Amino acid sequence: QVQLVESGGGLVQAGGSLRLSCAASGRTFSAYNMGWFRQAPGKEREFVAVISWGGGTTRYADSVKGRFTISRENAKNTAYLQMNSLKPEDTAVYYCAADGTYSTNIKDYDYWGQGTQVTVSS
């Protein structure tokens, strides 16, 4: 079991930045690939970014590529999502998730945080 807690969400104007954190506890954090997903009102949860267990491999959704950066500090049991040049369409609840596989598929992830709200005003 691994427990995940997101933080760092909030209200920001378009063009601004936020950094989300995902703190993990329980089993060895460095054994898991970490993903970020988001869910906007009335929409399905969608993939945002994933980082491999060692941090050497990342992948992004086309909608955030070049604006968002996923990273991790295994010594601190924490993953991050740096979000720059935010747009109103980035408004959503953001979730971090952990799994043993390196995947962009929601169904592959076994462990989820509770989510943090990000609201981007125009």
Protein backbone atom coordinates (compact mmCIF):
# COMPACT_ATOMS: atom_id res chain seq x y z
CA GLN A 1 0.00 0.00 0.00
CA VAL A 2 1.06 3.56 -0.66
CA GLN A 3 -0.79 6.65 0.47
CA LEU A 4 -0.69 9.79 -1.66
CA VAL A 5 -1.55 13.35 -0.68
CA GLU A 6 -1.62 16.19 -3.20
CA SER A 7 -1.13 19.85 -2.37
CA GLY A 8 -0.39 23.11 -4.11
CA GLY A 9 -3.63 23.72 -5.96
CA GLY A 10 -5.39 27.06 -5.98
CA LEU A 11 -6.72 29.95 -8.01
CA VAL A 12 -4.42 31.56 -10.56
CA GLN A 13 -4.84 33.93 -13.49
CA ALA A 14 -4.28 32.76 -17.03
CA GLY A 15 -0.59 32.80 -17.85
CA GLY A 16 0.38 32.12 -14.26
CA SER A 17 2.10 29.16 -12.65
CA LEU A 18 1.49 26.61 -9.93
CA ARG A 19 3.49 23.72 -8.58
CA LEU A 20 1.63 20.69 -7.34
CA SER A 21 3.19 18.26 -4.90
CA CYS A 22 2.34 14.64 -4.22
CA ALA A 23 3.65 13.29 -0.93
CA ALA A 24 3.81 9.53 -0.58
CA SER A 25 3.95 7.30 2.46
CA GLY A 26 3.81 3.58 3.00
CA ARG A 27 5.69 1.30 0.69
CA THR A 28 8.89 2.31 -1.10
CA PHE A 29 8.12 5.39 -3.18
CA SER A 30 11.05 4.81 -5.52
CA ALA A 31 9.54 1.51 -6.66
CA TYR A 32 6.60 3.26 -8.30
CA ASN A 33 6.08 5.12 -11.50
CA MET A 34 4.10 8.28 -10.78
CA GLY A 35 1.37 9.81 -12.87
CA TRP A 36 -0.66 13.01 -12.81
CA PHE A 37 -4.22 13.06 -14.07
CA ARG A 38 -6.96 15.66 -14.06
CA GLN A 39 -10.72 15.79 -14.17
CA ALA A 40 -12.67 18.84 -15.25
CA PRO A 41 -16.35 19.26 -14.36
CA GLY A 42 -18.52 17.05 -16.53
CA LYS A 43 -15.54 15.35 -18.14
CA GLU A 44 -13.72 12.09 -17.69
CA ARG A 45 -10.44 11.90 -15.85
CA GLU A 46 -7.56 12.28 -18.27
CA PHE A 47 -3.84 11.66 -18.37
CA VAL A 48 -1.53 14.63 -17.86
CA ALA A 49 2.01 13.30 -17.25
CA VAL A 50 3.96 10.29 -16.03
CA ILE A 51 7.48 9.83 -14.69
CA SER A 52 9.39 6.61 -14.31
CA TRP A 53 10.49 5.29 -10.92
CA GLY A 54 14.02 6.64 -11.36
CA GLY A 55 12.93 9.91 -12.92
CA GLY A 56 14.73 9.33 -16.18
CA THR A 57 11.71 8.96 -18.43
CA THR A 58 8.70 11.23 -18.75
CA ARG A 59 5.71 11.57 -21.02
CA TYR A 60 3.09 14.28 -21.39
CA ALA A 61 -0.33 14.76 -22.84
CA ASP A 62 -0.20 16.88 -25.98
CA SER A 63 -2.36 19.52 -24.30
CA VAL A 64 0.28 20.27 -21.66
CA LYS A 65 3.52 19.51 -23.49
CA GLY A 66 5.96 22.40 -23.23
CA ARG A 67 4.03 24.01 -20.36
CA PHE A 68 4.03 21.35 -17.61
CA THR A 69 7.00 19.51 -16.12
CA ILE A 70 6.78 16.38 -14.00
CA SER A 71 9.59 15.56 -11.59
CA ARG A 72 10.29 13.61 -8.42
CA GLU A 73 12.57 13.52 -5.42
CA ASN A 74 12.77 9.95 -4.19
CA ALA A 75 14.70 11.00 -1.09
CA LYS A 76 11.69 13.12 -0.10
CA ASN A 77 9.03 10.64 -1.27
CA THR A 78 7.51 13.40 -3.35
CA ALA A 79 6.48 13.94 -6.96
CA TYR A 80 5.81 17.33 -8.50
CA LEU A 81 3.95 18.89 -11.37
CA GLN A 82 5.20 22.33 -12.36
CA MET A 83 2.51 24.07 -14.39
CA ASN A 84 3.41 27.20 -16.36
CA SER A 85 1.48 29.32 -18.85
CA LEU A 86 -1.76 28.10 -17.37
CA LYS A 87 -4.95 28.38 -19.40
CA PRO A 88 -8.60 28.40 -18.30
CA GLU A 89 -8.99 24.98 -19.90
CA ASP A 90 -6.46 23.62 -17.38
CA THR A 91 -9.06 24.10 -14.66
CA ALA A 92 -9.67 20.72 -13.04
CA VAL A 93 -9.09 18.57 -10.00
CA TYR A 94 -5.56 17.18 -10.30
CA TYR A 95 -4.74 13.73 -8.99
CA CYS A 96 -1.46 11.95 -8.53
CA ALA A 97 -1.30 8.19 -8.85
CA ALA A 98 1.25 5.43 -8.37
CA ASP A 99 1.76 2.13 -10.10
CA GLY A 100 4.37 -0.45 -10.87
CA THR A 101 3.92 0.00 -14.61
CA TYR A 102 4.91 3.04 -16.67
CA SER A 103 1.55 3.89 -18.17
CA THR A 104 -0.68 6.68 -19.41
CA ASN A 105 -3.78 4.53 -18.85
CA ILE A 106 -5.88 5.40 -15.83
CA LYS A 107 -6.92 1.79 -15.40
CA ASP A 108 -3.33 0.72 -14.74
CA TYR A 109 -2.97 2.81 -11.59
CA ASP A 110 -3.72 1.20 -8.24
CA TYR A 111 -3.08 4.06 -5.83
CA TRP A 112 -4.61 7.53 -5.96
CA GLY A 113 -4.53 10.72 -3.97
CA GLN A 114 -7.62 12.68 -3.03
CA GLY A 115 -7.00 15.42 -5.58
CA THR A 116 -6.30 19.14 -5.46
CA GLN A 117 -8.34 21.82 -7.22
CA VAL A 118 -6.69 24.05 -9.80
CA THR A 119 -8.73 26.97 -11.10
CA VAL A 120 -7.41 29.23 -13.85
CA SER A 121 -9.30 32.48 -14.38
CA SER A 122 -9.34 34.31 -17.70
